[in-house]
C-alpha atoms as a PDB file:
ATOM      1  CA  MET A   1      18.692  -3.722 -27.083  1.00  0.00           C
ATOM      2  CA  THR A   2      16.557  -6.728 -27.965  1.00  0.00           C
ATOM      3  CA  PRO A   3      15.196  -8.171 -24.704  1.00  0.00           C
ATOM      4  CA  ARG A   4      14.151 -11.760 -24.187  1.00  0.00           C
ATOM      5  CA  LEU A   5      10.420 -11.427 -23.535  1.00  0.00           C
ATOM      6  CA  LEU A   6       8.138 -13.919 -21.798  1.00  0.00           C
ATOM      7  CA  LEU A   7       4.426 -13.390 -22.329  1.00  0.00           C
ATOM      8  CA  VAL A   8       2.365 -15.043 -19.558  1.00  0.00           C
ATOM      9  CA  LEU A   9      -1.293 -15.889 -20.175  1.00  0.00           C
ATOM     10  CA  PRO A  10      -3.407 -17.498 -17.406  1.00  0.00           C
ATOM     11  CA  CYS A  11      -5.994 -19.797 -19.003  1.00  0.00           C
ATOM     12  CA  TYR A  12      -9.227 -21.157 -17.571  1.00  0.00           C
ATOM     13  CA  ASN A  13     -11.597 -22.965 -19.959  1.00  0.00           C
ATOM     14  CA  GLU A  14     -10.217 -21.152 -22.987  1.00  0.00           C
ATOM     15  CA  GLU A  15     -10.483 -23.924 -25.600  1.00  0.00           C
ATOM     16  CA  ALA A  16     -12.835 -21.806 -27.730  1.00  0.00           C
ATOM     17  CA  ILE A  17     -10.264 -19.077 -28.303  1.00  0.00           C
ATOM     18  CA  LEU A  18      -6.845 -20.601 -27.602  1.00  0.00           C
ATOM     19  CA  HIS A  19      -5.943 -21.546 -31.195  1.00  0.00           C
ATOM     20  CA  LEU A  20      -6.872 -18.067 -32.428  1.00  0.00           C
ATOM     21  CA  THR A  21      -4.891 -16.502 -29.587  1.00  0.00           C
ATOM     22  CA  ASP A  22      -1.803 -18.601 -30.381  1.00  0.00           C
ATOM     23  CA  THR A  23      -1.969 -17.797 -34.098  1.00  0.00           C
ATOM     24  CA  ARG A  24      -2.155 -14.076 -33.386  1.00  0.00           C
ATOM     25  CA  LEU A  25       0.608 -14.141 -30.789  1.00  0.00           C
ATOM     26  CA  ASN A  26       3.016 -16.026 -33.028  1.00  0.00           C
ATOM     27  CA  ALA A  27       2.352 -13.661 -35.928  1.00  0.00           C
ATOM     28  CA  PHE A  28       2.886 -10.713 -33.571  1.00  0.00           C
ATOM     29  CA  TYR A  29       6.128 -12.223 -32.246  1.00  0.00           C
ATOM     30  CA  ASP A  30       7.358 -12.733 -35.827  1.00  0.00           C
ATOM     31  CA  THR A  31       6.783  -9.031 -36.479  1.00  0.00           C
ATOM     32  CA  LEU A  32       8.555  -7.956 -33.273  1.00  0.00           C
ATOM     33  CA  ILE A  33      11.548 -10.191 -34.032  1.00  0.00           C
ATOM     34  CA  ARG A  34      11.717  -8.979 -37.637  1.00  0.00           C
ATOM     35  CA  GLU A  35      11.688  -5.375 -36.411  1.00  0.00           C
ATOM     36  CA  ASN A  36      14.425  -6.261 -33.890  1.00  0.00           C
ATOM     37  CA  ARG A  37      12.246  -5.305 -30.914  1.00  0.00           C
ATOM     38  CA  ILE A  38      12.589  -8.617 -29.053  1.00  0.00           C
ATOM     39  CA  SER A  39      15.054 -11.505 -29.110  1.00  0.00           C
ATOM     40  CA  ARG A  40      14.431 -14.751 -30.968  1.00  0.00           C
ATOM     41  CA  GLU A  41      14.730 -16.411 -27.559  1.00  0.00           C
ATOM     42  CA  SER A  42      11.449 -14.803 -26.460  1.00  0.00           C
ATOM     43  CA  ARG A  43       8.665 -17.194 -25.478  1.00  0.00           C
ATOM     44  CA  ILE A  44       4.908 -17.432 -24.883  1.00  0.00           C
ATOM     45  CA  CYS A  45       3.708 -19.157 -21.693  1.00  0.00           C
ATOM     46  CA  TYR A  46       0.168 -20.489 -21.242  1.00  0.00           C
ATOM     47  CA  VAL A  47      -0.780 -21.373 -17.650  1.00  0.00           C
ATOM     48  CA  ASN A  48      -3.635 -23.844 -17.320  1.00  0.00           C
ATOM     49  CA  ASP A  49      -5.514 -22.974 -14.124  1.00  0.00           C
ATOM     50  CA  GLY A  50      -7.411 -26.210 -13.586  1.00  0.00           C
ATOM     51  CA  SER A  51      -9.539 -25.923 -16.724  1.00  0.00           C
ATOM     52  CA  ARG A  52     -12.416 -28.385 -17.107  1.00  0.00           C
ATOM     53  CA  ASP A  53     -12.308 -28.388 -20.918  1.00  0.00           C
ATOM     54  CA  ALA A  54      -9.553 -29.254 -23.422  1.00  0.00           C
ATOM     55  CA  THR A  55      -7.428 -26.192 -22.639  1.00  0.00           C
ATOM     56  CA  TRP A  56      -4.447 -28.176 -21.333  1.00  0.00           C
ATOM     57  CA  GLU A  57      -4.522 -30.667 -24.217  1.00  0.00           C
ATOM     58  CA  ILE A  58      -4.364 -27.723 -26.632  1.00  0.00           C
ATOM     59  CA  ILE A  59      -1.481 -26.123 -24.704  1.00  0.00           C
ATOM     60  CA  GLU A  60       0.438 -29.414 -24.675  1.00  0.00           C
ATOM     61  CA  ALA A  61      -0.001 -29.832 -28.417  1.00  0.00           C
ATOM     62  CA  LEU A  62       1.129 -26.255 -29.087  1.00  0.00           C
ATOM     63  CA  ALA A  63       4.206 -26.652 -26.866  1.00  0.00           C
ATOM     64  CA  ALA A  64       5.132 -29.975 -28.505  1.00  0.00           C
ATOM     65  CA  THR A  65       5.114 -28.529 -32.029  1.00  0.00           C
ATOM     66  CA  ASN A  66       6.402 -25.008 -31.375  1.00  0.00           C
ATOM     67  CA  PRO A  67       9.519 -24.366 -29.228  1.00  0.00           C
ATOM     68  CA  ARG A  68       8.340 -20.790 -28.752  1.00  0.00           C
ATOM     69  CA  VAL A  69       5.386 -22.013 -26.658  1.00  0.00           C
ATOM     70  CA  LEU A  70       5.685 -23.019 -22.993  1.00  0.00           C
ATOM     71  CA  GLY A  71       2.973 -24.653 -20.933  1.00  0.00           C
ATOM     72  CA  VAL A  72       2.411 -24.737 -17.168  1.00  0.00           C
ATOM     73  CA  LYS A  73      -0.284 -26.956 -15.693  1.00  0.00           C
ATOM     74  CA  LEU A  74      -1.530 -26.300 -12.158  1.00  0.00           C
ATOM     75  CA  SER A  75      -2.804 -29.276 -10.166  1.00  0.00           C
ATOM     76  CA  ARG A  76      -6.226 -27.623  -9.770  1.00  0.00           C
ATOM     77  CA  ASN A  77      -7.915 -24.258 -10.080  1.00  0.00           C
ATOM     78  CA  PHE A  78      -6.046 -21.764  -7.876  1.00  0.00           C
ATOM     79  CA  GLY A  79      -7.457 -18.544  -9.363  1.00  0.00           C
ATOM     80  CA  HIS A  80      -6.273 -16.035 -11.934  1.00  0.00           C
ATOM     81  CA  GLN A  81      -3.806 -14.202  -9.689  1.00  0.00           C
ATOM     82  CA  ASN A  82      -2.054 -17.382  -8.564  1.00  0.00           C
ATOM     83  CA  ALA A  83      -1.943 -18.744 -12.113  1.00  0.00           C
ATOM     84  CA  LEU A  84      -0.249 -15.531 -13.185  1.00  0.00           C
ATOM     85  CA  LEU A  85       2.330 -15.870 -10.408  1.00  0.00           C
ATOM     86  CA  ALA A  86       2.949 -19.508 -11.346  1.00  0.00           C
ATOM     87  CA  GLY A  87       3.853 -18.557 -14.915  1.00  0.00           C
ATOM     88  CA  LEU A  88       6.126 -15.739 -13.788  1.00  0.00           C
ATOM     89  CA  PHE A  89       7.991 -17.661 -11.080  1.00  0.00           C
ATOM     90  CA  GLU A  90       8.318 -20.901 -13.078  1.00  0.00           C
ATOM     91  CA  TYR A  91      10.642 -19.150 -15.562  1.00  0.00           C
ATOM     92  CA  LYS A  92      12.075 -16.469 -13.297  1.00  0.00           C
ATOM     93  CA  GLY A  93      15.538 -15.303 -14.366  1.00  0.00           C
ATOM     94  CA  LEU A  94      15.395 -16.952 -17.793  1.00  0.00           C
ATOM     95  CA  PHE A  95      14.123 -13.823 -19.540  1.00  0.00           C
ATOM     96  CA  ASP A  96      14.781 -10.087 -19.393  1.00  0.00           C
ATOM     97  CA  CYS A  97      11.200  -8.899 -19.046  1.00  0.00           C
ATOM     98  CA  TYR A  98       7.764 -10.410 -18.530  1.00  0.00           C
ATOM     99  CA  ILE A  99       4.357  -9.243 -19.736  1.00  0.00           C
ATOM    100  CA  SER A 100       1.097 -10.599 -18.324  1.00  0.00           C
ATOM    101  CA  ILE A 101      -2.004 -10.531 -20.506  1.00  0.00           C
ATOM    102  CA  ASP A 102      -5.362 -12.320 -20.595  1.00  0.00           C
ATOM    103  CA  ALA A 103      -5.825 -15.213 -23.021  1.00  0.00           C
ATOM    104  CA  ASP A 104      -8.820 -13.580 -24.724  1.00  0.00           C
ATOM    105  CA  LEU A 105      -6.477 -10.854 -26.101  1.00  0.00           C
ATOM    106  CA  GLN A 106      -8.938  -8.083 -25.337  1.00  0.00           C
ATOM    107  CA  ASP A 107      -5.878  -6.118 -24.237  1.00  0.00           C
ATOM    108  CA  ASP A 108      -4.401  -4.602 -27.389  1.00  0.00           C
ATOM    109  CA  LEU A 109      -1.214  -6.412 -28.463  1.00  0.00           C
ATOM    110  CA  ASN A 110       0.059  -3.229 -30.116  1.00  0.00           C
ATOM    111  CA  ALA A 111       0.452  -1.696 -26.640  1.00  0.00           C
ATOM    112  CA  ILE A 112       3.298  -4.155 -26.059  1.00  0.00           C
ATOM    113  CA  ILE A 113       5.528  -2.204 -28.470  1.00  0.00           C
ATOM    114  CA  PRO A 114       5.599   1.028 -26.379  1.00  0.00           C
ATOM    115  CA  MET A 115       5.898  -1.139 -23.249  1.00  0.00           C
ATOM    116  CA  ILE A 116       9.137  -2.609 -24.587  1.00  0.00           C
ATOM    117  CA  GLU A 117      10.335   0.854 -25.607  1.00  0.00           C
ATOM    118  CA  LYS A 118       9.769   2.164 -22.093  1.00  0.00           C
ATOM    119  CA  TYR A 119      11.552  -0.899 -20.689  1.00  0.00           C
ATOM    120  CA  ASN A 120      14.542  -0.134 -22.942  1.00  0.00           C
ATOM    121  CA  GLU A 121      14.460   3.429 -21.588  1.00  0.00           C
ATOM    122  CA  GLY A 122      14.926   2.083 -18.059  1.00  0.00           C
ATOM    123  CA  ALA A 123      11.431   1.420 -16.693  1.00  0.00           C
ATOM    124  CA  SER A 124      11.206  -1.671 -14.473  1.00  0.00           C
ATOM    125  CA  ILE A 125       7.381  -1.610 -14.479  1.00  0.00           C
ATOM    126  CA  VAL A 126       5.124  -0.508 -17.324  1.00  0.00           C
ATOM    127  CA  TYR A 127       1.380  -0.447 -16.606  1.00  0.00           C
ATOM    128  CA  GLY A 128      -1.159  -0.991 -19.361  1.00  0.00           C
ATOM    129  CA  VAL A 129      -3.907   1.547 -18.617  1.00  0.00           C
ATOM    130  CA  ARG A 130      -7.257   1.778 -20.375  1.00  0.00           C
ATOM    131  CA  ASP A 131      -8.024   5.284 -21.605  1.00  0.00           C
ATOM    132  CA  ASP A 132     -11.293   4.389 -23.335  1.00  0.00           C
ATOM    133  CA  ARG A 133     -14.219   2.379 -21.913  1.00  0.00           C
ATOM    134  CA  SER A 134     -16.577   3.029 -24.811  1.00  0.00           C
ATOM    135  CA  THR A 135     -16.830  -0.730 -25.485  1.00  0.00           C
ATOM    136  CA  ASP A 136     -18.134  -1.370 -21.954  1.00  0.00           C
ATOM    137  CA  THR A 137     -21.783  -1.411 -20.982  1.00  0.00           C
ATOM    138  CA  PHE A 138     -22.913   1.367 -18.649  1.00  0.00           C
ATOM    139  CA  PHE A 139     -23.078  -1.102 -15.752  1.00  0.00           C
ATOM    140  CA  LYS A 140     -19.583  -2.481 -16.444  1.00  0.00           C
ATOM    141  CA  LYS A 141     -18.079   0.994 -16.770  1.00  0.00           C
ATOM    142  CA  PHE A 142     -19.836   2.295 -13.637  1.00  0.00           C
ATOM    143  CA  THR A 143     -18.865  -0.669 -11.441  1.00  0.00           C
ATOM    144  CA  ALA A 144     -15.256  -0.724 -12.690  1.00  0.00           C
ATOM    145  CA  GLU A 145     -14.655   2.971 -12.129  1.00  0.00           C
ATOM    146  CA  THR A 146     -16.441   2.829  -8.766  1.00  0.00           C
ATOM    147  CA  PHE A 147     -14.110  -0.033  -7.795  1.00  0.00           C
ATOM    148  CA  TYR A 148     -10.975   1.987  -8.569  1.00  0.00           C
ATOM    149  CA  LYS A 149     -12.293   5.096  -6.833  1.00  0.00           C
ATOM    150  CA  LEU A 150     -13.266   3.071  -3.764  1.00  0.00           C
ATOM    151  CA  MET A 151      -9.859   1.404  -3.654  1.00  0.00           C
ATOM    152  CA  ARG A 152      -8.114   4.766  -3.805  1.00  0.00           C
ATOM    153  CA  TRP A 153     -10.377   6.184  -1.108  1.00  0.00           C
ATOM    154  CA  LEU A 154      -9.488   3.205   1.089  1.00  0.00           C
ATOM    155  CA  LYS A 155      -5.782   3.934   0.472  1.00  0.00           C
ATOM    156  CA  VAL A 156      -5.189   0.790  -1.602  1.00  0.00           C
ATOM    157  CA  PRO A 157      -2.294   1.638  -3.990  1.00  0.00           C
ATOM    158  CA  VAL A 158      -3.886   0.707  -7.314  1.00  0.00           C
ATOM    159  CA  VAL A 159      -3.330   2.347 -10.708  1.00  0.00           C
ATOM    160  CA  PHE A 160      -6.635   3.725 -12.016  1.00  0.00           C
ATOM    161  CA  ASN A 161      -8.074   1.654 -14.908  1.00  0.00           C
ATOM    162  CA  HIS A 162      -5.158  -0.799 -14.794  1.00  0.00           C
ATOM    163  CA  ALA A 163      -5.871  -4.526 -14.501  1.00  0.00           C
ATOM    164  CA  ASP A 164      -3.160  -7.171 -15.013  1.00  0.00           C
ATOM    165  CA  PHE A 165      -1.739  -6.070 -18.373  1.00  0.00           C
ATOM    166  CA  ARG A 166       1.780  -4.971 -17.406  1.00  0.00           C
ATOM    167  CA  LEU A 167       5.481  -5.406 -18.035  1.00  0.00           C
ATOM    168  CA  ILE A 168       7.934  -6.130 -15.226  1.00  0.00           C
ATOM    169  CA  ASP A 169      11.650  -6.944 -15.238  1.00  0.00           C
ATOM    170  CA  ASN A 170      13.692  -9.461 -13.240  1.00  0.00           C
ATOM    171  CA  ARG A 171      14.355  -6.999 -10.408  1.00  0.00           C
ATOM    172  CA  VAL A 172      10.622  -6.536  -9.846  1.00  0.00           C
ATOM    173  CA  LEU A 173      10.019 -10.272 -10.115  1.00  0.00           C
ATOM    174  CA  THR A 174      12.681 -10.933  -7.481  1.00  0.00           C
ATOM    175  CA  GLU A 175      11.107  -8.411  -5.114  1.00  0.00           C
ATOM    176  CA  LEU A 176       7.620  -9.771  -5.836  1.00  0.00           C
ATOM    177  CA  GLU A 177       8.780 -13.215  -4.736  1.00  0.00           C
ATOM    178  CA  ASN A 178       9.562 -11.761  -1.301  1.00  0.00           C
ATOM    179  CA  TYR A 179       5.855 -11.054  -0.741  1.00  0.00           C
ATOM    180  CA  ARG A 180       4.609 -14.153   1.051  1.00  0.00           C
ATOM    181  CA  GLU A 181       0.889 -13.428   1.361  1.00  0.00           C
ATOM    182  CA  VAL A 182      -1.416 -16.327   0.580  1.00  0.00           C
ATOM    183  CA  ASN A 183      -4.046 -13.861  -0.679  1.00  0.00           C
ATOM    184  CA  MET A 184      -2.027 -11.999  -3.299  1.00  0.00           C
ATOM    185  CA  PHE A 185      -3.704  -8.904  -4.743  1.00  0.00           C
ATOM    186  CA  ILE A 186      -1.099  -8.240  -7.437  1.00  0.00           C
ATOM    187  CA  ARG A 187      -2.641  -4.968  -8.661  1.00  0.00           C
ATOM    188  CA  GLY A 188      -2.037  -3.483  -5.233  1.00  0.00           C
ATOM    189  CA  ILE A 189       1.309  -5.144  -4.513  1.00  0.00           C
ATOM    190  CA  ILE A 190       3.205  -4.140  -7.674  1.00  0.00           C
ATOM    191  CA  PRO A 191       2.878  -0.374  -6.961  1.00  0.00           C
ATOM    192  CA  THR A 192       4.280  -0.904  -3.434  1.00  0.00           C
ATOM    193  CA  ILE A 193       7.537  -2.236  -4.895  1.00  0.00           C
ATOM    194  CA  GLY A 194       8.445   1.174  -6.242  1.00  0.00           C
ATOM    195  CA  LEU A 195      11.300   1.288  -8.776  1.00  0.00           C
ATOM    196  CA  LYS A 196      11.033   3.240 -12.005  1.00  0.00           C
ATOM    197  CA  ASN A 197       7.650   2.839 -13.657  1.00  0.00           C
ATOM    198  CA  ASP A 198       5.662   4.217 -16.552  1.00  0.00           C
ATOM    199  CA  LYS A 199       2.277   3.811 -18.246  1.00  0.00           C
ATOM    200  CA  VAL A 200       1.041   2.893 -21.694  1.00  0.00           C
ATOM    201  CA  TYR A 201      -2.532   3.796 -22.632  1.00  0.00           C
ATOM    202  CA  TYR A 202      -4.672   1.570 -24.863  1.00  0.00           C
ATOM    203  CA  LYS A 203      -8.233   0.714 -25.842  1.00  0.00           C
ATOM    204  CA  ARG A 204      -9.608  -2.670 -24.783  1.00  0.00           C
ATOM    205  CA  LEU A 205     -11.025  -4.765 -27.624  1.00  0.00           C
ATOM    206  CA  GLU A 206     -14.148  -6.914 -27.871  1.00  0.00           C
ATOM    207  CA  ARG A 207     -13.907 -10.591 -26.912  1.00  0.00           C
ATOM    208  CA  GLU A 208     -14.164 -12.711 -30.078  1.00  0.00           C
ATOM    209  CA  ALA A 209     -14.920 -16.139 -28.616  1.00  0.00           C
ATOM    210  CA  GLY A 210     -15.697 -17.862 -25.327  1.00  0.00           C
ATOM    211  CA  GLU A 211     -17.156 -16.055 -22.358  1.00  0.00           C
ATOM    212  CA  THR A 212     -15.840 -13.835 -19.589  1.00  0.00           C
ATOM    213  CA  LYS A 213     -14.334 -15.615 -16.582  1.00  0.00           C
ATOM    214  CA  TYR A 214     -15.171 -12.663 -14.315  1.00  0.00           C
ATOM    215  CA  PRO A 215     -18.954 -12.409 -13.843  1.00  0.00           C
ATOM    216  CA  LEU A 216     -20.346  -9.959 -11.278  1.00  0.00           C
ATOM    217  CA  GLY A 217     -20.013 -12.371  -8.336  1.00  0.00           C
ATOM    218  CA  LYS A 218     -16.320 -13.009  -8.981  1.00  0.00           C
ATOM    219  CA  MET A 219     -15.699  -9.295  -9.537  1.00  0.00           C
ATOM    220  CA  LEU A 220     -17.229  -8.451  -6.154  1.00  0.00           C
ATOM    221  CA  THR A 221     -15.204 -11.189  -4.449  1.00  0.00           C
ATOM    222  CA  PHE A 222     -12.043  -9.943  -6.134  1.00  0.00           C
ATOM    223  CA  ALA A 223     -12.746  -6.371  -5.024  1.00  0.00           C
ATOM    224  CA  TRP A 224     -13.428  -7.455  -1.441  1.00  0.00           C
ATOM    225  CA  ASN A 225     -10.198  -9.487  -1.342  1.00  0.00           C
ATOM    226  CA  GLY A 226      -8.282  -6.459  -2.564  1.00  0.00           C
ATOM    227  CA  ILE A 227      -9.812  -4.194   0.079  1.00  0.00           C
ATOM    228  CA  THR A 228      -9.301  -6.573   2.990  1.00  0.00           C
ATOM    229  CA  SER A 229      -5.763  -7.455   1.869  1.00  0.00           C
ATOM    230  CA  PHE A 230      -4.619  -3.848   1.829  1.00  0.00           C
ATOM    231  CA  SER A 231      -6.848  -1.659   3.951  1.00  0.00           C
ATOM    232  CA  ILE A 232      -8.020  -1.619   7.581  1.00  0.00           C
ATOM    233  CA  MET A 233     -10.497   1.154   6.818  1.00  0.00           C
ATOM    234  CA  PRO A 234     -13.542  -1.172   7.162  1.00  0.00           C
ATOM    235  CA  MET A 235     -12.336  -1.991  10.690  1.00  0.00           C
ATOM    236  CA  ARG A 236     -12.087   1.715  11.430  1.00  0.00           C
ATOM    237  CA  PHE A 237     -15.664   2.139  10.229  1.00  0.00           C
ATOM    238  CA  VAL A 238     -16.640  -0.339  12.948  1.00  0.00           C
ATOM    239  CA  LEU A 239     -14.771   1.774  15.514  1.00  0.00           C
ATOM    240  CA  TRP A 240     -16.403   4.979  14.306  1.00  0.00           C
ATOM    241  CA  PHE A 241     -19.818   3.349  14.289  1.00  0.00           C
ATOM    242  CA  GLY A 242     -19.219   2.127  17.854  1.00  0.00           C
ATOM    243  CA  ALA A 243     -18.356   5.666  18.920  1.00  0.00           C
ATOM    244  CA  PHE A 244     -21.468   6.995  17.169  1.00  0.00           C
ATOM    245  CA  SER A 245     -23.636   4.322  18.848  1.00  0.00           C
ATOM    246  CA  PHE A 246     -22.168   5.173  22.254  1.00  0.00           C
ATOM    247  CA  LEU A 247     -22.933   8.866  21.827  1.00  0.00           C
ATOM    248  CA  LEU A 248     -26.408   8.119  20.490  1.00  0.00           C
ATOM    249  CA  SER A 249     -27.231   5.787  23.375  1.00  0.00           C
ATOM    250  CA  GLY A 250     -25.926   8.412  25.823  1.00  0.00           C
ATOM    251  CA  GLY A 251     -28.211  10.993  24.256  1.00  0.00           C
ATOM    252  CA  MET A 252     -31.175   8.615  24.508  1.00  0.00           C
ATOM    253  CA  ALA A 253     -30.404   7.975  28.193  1.00  0.00           C
ATOM    254  CA  VAL A 254     -30.391  11.718  28.885  1.00  0.00           C
ATOM    255  CA  TYR A 255     -33.698  12.079  27.035  1.00  0.00           C
ATOM    256  CA  VAL A 256     -35.341   9.207  28.971  1.00  0.00           C
ATOM    257  CA  LEU A 257     -34.180  10.644  32.335  1.00  0.00           C
ATOM    258  CA  TYR A 258     -35.427  14.084  31.339  1.00  0.00           C
ATOM    259  CA  THR A 259     -38.916  12.766  30.441  1.00  0.00           C
ATOM    260  CA  LYS A 260     -39.049  10.856  33.737  1.00  0.00           C
ATOM    261  CA  PHE A 261     -38.246  13.931  35.827  1.00  0.00           C
ATOM    262  CA  VAL A 262     -40.666  16.227  34.023  1.00  0.00           C
ATOM    263  CA  GLY A 263     -43.439  13.618  34.088  1.00  0.00           C
ATOM    264  CA  VAL A 264     -43.751  13.082  30.335  1.00  0.00           C
ATOM    265  CA  THR A 265     -44.508   9.505  29.219  1.00  0.00           C
ATOM    266  CA  THR A 266     -41.511   7.723  27.692  1.00  0.00           C
ATOM    267  CA  ALA A 267     -41.819   6.398  24.115  1.00  0.00           C
ATOM    268  CA  GLY A 268     -43.481   3.002  23.809  1.00  0.00           C
ATOM    269  CA  TRP A 269     -42.274  -0.462  22.984  1.00  0.00           C
ATOM    270  CA  ALA A 270     -42.213   0.050  19.159  1.00  0.00           C
ATOM    271  CA  SER A 271     -39.407   2.588  19.242  1.00  0.00           C
ATOM    272  CA  THR A 272     -37.567   0.525  21.848  1.00  0.00           C
ATOM    273  CA  LEU A 273     -37.706  -2.653  19.759  1.00  0.00           C
ATOM    274  CA  LEU A 274     -36.715  -0.714  16.652  1.00  0.00           C
ATOM    275  CA  MET A 275     -33.533   0.550  18.294  1.00  0.00           C
ATOM    276  CA  ILE A 276     -32.742  -2.893  19.727  1.00  0.00           C
ATOM    277  CA  ALA A 277     -33.126  -4.494  16.296  1.00  0.00           C
ATOM    278  CA  PHE A 278     -30.989  -1.783  14.668  1.00  0.00           C
ATOM    279  CA  PHE A 279     -28.100  -2.091  17.105  1.00  0.00           C
ATOM    280  CA  ASN A 280     -28.250  -5.891  17.207  1.00  0.00           C
ATOM    281  CA  GLY A 281     -28.066  -6.015  13.408  1.00  0.00           C
ATOM    282  CA  SER A 282     -25.204  -3.528  13.428  1.00  0.00           C
ATOM    283  CA  ASN A 283     -23.335  -5.582  16.015  1.00  0.00           C
ATOM    284  CA  MET A 284     -23.706  -8.726  13.914  1.00  0.00           C
ATOM    285  CA  LEU A 285     -22.411  -6.848  10.877  1.00  0.00           C
ATOM    286  CA  ALA A 286     -19.406  -5.624  12.871  1.00  0.00           C
ATOM    287  CA  ILE A 287     -18.700  -9.116  14.200  1.00  0.00           C
ATOM    288  CA  GLY A 288     -18.900 -10.516  10.668  1.00  0.00           C
ATOM    289  CA  LEU A 289     -16.430  -7.896   9.420  1.00  0.00           C
ATOM    290  CA  ILE A 290     -14.000  -8.675  12.232  1.00  0.00           C
ATOM    291  CA  GLY A 291     -14.420 -12.365  11.423  1.00  0.00           C
ATOM    292  CA  GLU A 292     -13.499 -11.676   7.794  1.00  0.00           C
ATOM    293  CA  TYR A 293     -10.187 -10.166   8.858  1.00  0.00           C
ATOM    294  CA  MET A 294      -9.596 -12.977  11.330  1.00  0.00           C
ATOM    295  CA  GLY A 295     -10.208 -15.457   8.523  1.00  0.00           C
ATOM    296  CA  LYS A 296      -7.562 -13.698   6.455  1.00  0.00           C
ATOM    297  CA  ILE A 297      -5.113 -13.982   9.331  1.00  0.00           C
ATOM    298  CA  TYR A 298      -6.012 -17.674   9.709  1.00  0.00           C
ATOM    299  CA  GLU A 299      -5.223 -18.336   6.047  1.00  0.00           C
ATOM    300  CA  GLU A 300      -1.933 -16.438   6.233  1.00  0.00           C
ATOM    301  CA  VAL A 301      -0.812 -18.244   9.403  1.00  0.00           C
ATOM    302  CA  LYS A 302      -1.363 -21.639   7.777  1.00  0.00           C
ATOM    303  CA  ALA A 303       0.939 -20.476   4.933  1.00  0.00           C
ATOM    304  CA  ARG A 304      -0.283 -23.059   2.462  1.00  0.00           C
ATOM    305  CA  PRO A 305       1.201 -22.856  -1.054  1.00  0.00           C
ATOM    306  CA  ARG A 306      -0.511 -20.391  -3.364  1.00  0.00           C
ATOM    307  CA  TYR A 307      -0.395 -22.905  -6.218  1.00  0.00           C
ATOM    308  CA  ILE A 308       1.021 -26.324  -7.129  1.00  0.00           C
ATOM    309  CA  VAL A 309       2.601 -26.884 -10.544  1.00  0.00           C
ATOM    310  CA  GLU A 310       1.779 -30.368 -11.832  1.00  0.00           C
ATOM    311  CA  LYS A 311       3.666 -30.085 -15.104  1.00  0.00           C
ATOM    312  CA  SER A 312       5.653 -27.486 -17.059  1.00  0.00           C
ATOM    313  CA  SER A 313       7.509 -27.257 -20.364  1.00  0.00           C
ATOM    314  CA  PRO A 314      11.301 -26.841 -20.511  1.00  0.00           C
ATOM    315  CA  VAL A 315      12.683 -23.870 -22.402  1.00  0.00           C
ATOM    316  CA  ARG A 316      14.015 -25.230 -25.703  1.00  0.00           C
ATOM    317  CA  ASP A 317      16.323 -23.626 -28.253  1.00  0.00           C
END
């Protein structure tokens, strides 16, 4: 079986590496077609996520000269996850399977071969999972693994050391379209779909040009969005803390009454102010957390579109 494959690459300010990426992808596709692993009707889709550089101009030029290349331009920057969805849904049903990968090609292209093999064996989802983080700095490795462990502890259904390098088929894409959340955390949603799935392990490569689009601030925001989109555990922490505070204040009341009856002087103003400051700060933190969830609900109720496609390339023979 030679499936029609669509490779989807979200792009944000990738002019420094896009030509190199396209050259490598086309050479890789030529090899896969020659080895009869994918159909000649397979395509490569670049999604421009509101880039401020010449990324879209490069994509347009590539699509105009190479029928294998498709381009999707979003009206503004909607974020990596939404750009990925835009590429998938824009050409839904026109291909047999879809693989998402970052434009910097740090995810090993050779892992696509076993992904396709597992798809041919009946897997609807194939996760690309890193089995080696030796190229990461200590800080990057520690924060990434802490993120996955925290997500699992909070009951968020993520695959350990899996990002957005995966293969899905049309059945999964159809089911994914039924998820209407505005804040889509795809890494957590795909595992909830079920269906037959498998994993392919690979080593992530060094970035050859450009710079990462996920600095620490964006990584923390992404992690928080994933937690609040899938888990109510932080809200339960507020409940547990409230119960703890109630018991603690009850114990303090008993202590104060005891010292009054036995004639011992009650603790002075310093300890009193300290406790007031502690509980006031804790209350503000709890209110802020509740407000975060309410904000999520507010965004979902408005049901604004996750992305707007300004322009896209037709699939040519």
